[in-house]
Amino acid sequence: MNKMADVAKLFGKKLDEEFFIRWGNVEYMCEFTARGLRCYPSAKNNIKYTYSNNDWLFLLLIGEAVIIND
C-alpha cells in the first residue's frame, strides 16, 4: 500500500500540490507524488543542478530543508 499521501500529510501537503522548499538560501519547487517527492530548481534561482529527489525527502525529514509556507 502506497504511503506517499500520508507522507505529504505529515508536512501539511496533498499529493500533486506544488510548494517551495528552502535549503540554505536556495529555493526549489516541489510536489509530493504517488512515486515520491519531485523537486525542481525554482525560476528565482540561477541553478541548473539539484540533488536527487530522495535526497530532498531526507533533508526535509531531518530538518535541513524546510517548506516555505505561503
Protein backbone atom coordinates (compact mmCIF):
# COMPACT_ATOMS: atom_id res chain seq x y z
CA MET A 1 0.00 0.00 0.00
CA ASN A 2 1.41 3.39 -1.05
CA LYS A 3 2.09 5.75 1.86
CA MET A 4 3.05 8.92 -0.03
CA ALA A 5 -0.29 10.62 0.70
CA ASP A 6 0.45 10.06 4.40
CA VAL A 7 3.96 11.47 3.99
CA ALA A 8 2.56 14.56 2.23
CA LYS A 9 0.01 14.98 5.03
CA LEU A 10 2.82 14.80 7.60
CA PHE A 11 4.16 18.00 6.02
CA GLY A 12 0.71 19.61 5.65
CA LYS A 13 0.54 18.99 1.90
CA LYS A 14 -1.52 16.91 -0.54
CA LEU A 15 -0.33 14.79 -3.43
CA ASP A 16 0.45 16.84 -6.56
CA GLU A 17 0.27 20.14 -4.63
CA GLU A 18 3.15 22.42 -5.62
CA PHE A 19 5.13 24.14 -2.88
CA PHE A 20 8.58 25.56 -2.27
CA ILE A 21 11.33 24.31 -0.02
CA ARG A 22 14.43 26.18 1.08
CA TRP A 23 17.83 24.68 1.69
CA GLY A 24 20.33 27.31 2.74
CA ASN A 25 19.47 30.34 0.63
CA VAL A 26 18.21 28.37 -2.38
CA GLU A 27 14.55 27.63 -3.13
CA TYR A 28 13.18 24.66 -5.05
CA MET A 29 9.68 23.96 -6.33
CA CYS A 30 8.46 20.55 -5.19
CA GLU A 31 5.45 18.29 -5.07
CA PHE A 32 4.70 15.00 -3.38
CA THR A 33 3.51 12.41 -5.89
CA ALA A 34 2.45 8.80 -5.52
CA ARG A 35 6.02 7.90 -6.53
CA GLY A 36 7.83 10.17 -4.07
CA LEU A 37 8.98 13.77 -3.78
CA ARG A 38 9.72 15.60 -7.03
CA CYS A 39 11.77 18.83 -6.89
CA TYR A 40 12.97 21.31 -9.49
CA PRO A 41 15.17 24.39 -9.19
CA SER A 42 12.98 27.47 -8.79
CA ALA A 43 12.90 30.00 -11.61
CA LYS A 44 14.04 32.50 -8.94
CA ASN A 45 17.41 30.80 -8.76
CA ASN A 46 20.11 30.61 -11.38
CA ILE A 47 20.81 26.94 -10.65
CA LYS A 48 20.81 24.11 -13.16
CA TYR A 49 21.76 21.30 -10.81
CA THR A 50 19.89 19.64 -7.97
CA TYR A 51 20.16 16.69 -5.62
CA SER A 52 18.15 13.56 -6.29
CA ASN A 53 14.55 13.65 -5.10
CA ASN A 54 15.33 11.02 -2.44
CA ASP A 55 17.92 13.40 -1.00
CA TRP A 56 15.34 16.19 -0.76
CA LEU A 57 12.93 13.97 1.15
CA PHE A 58 15.74 13.03 3.53
CA LEU A 59 16.70 16.70 4.02
CA LEU A 60 13.07 17.54 4.81
CA LEU A 61 12.78 14.67 7.26
CA ILE A 62 15.90 15.67 9.20
CA GLY A 63 15.02 19.39 9.12
CA GLU A 64 17.90 20.66 6.99
CA ALA A 65 15.50 21.74 4.25
CA VAL A 66 12.23 23.45 5.17
CA ILE A 67 8.91 24.00 3.45
CA ILE A 68 8.23 27.68 2.83
CA ASN A 69 4.69 28.39 3.96
CA ASP A 70 2.62 30.80 1.91
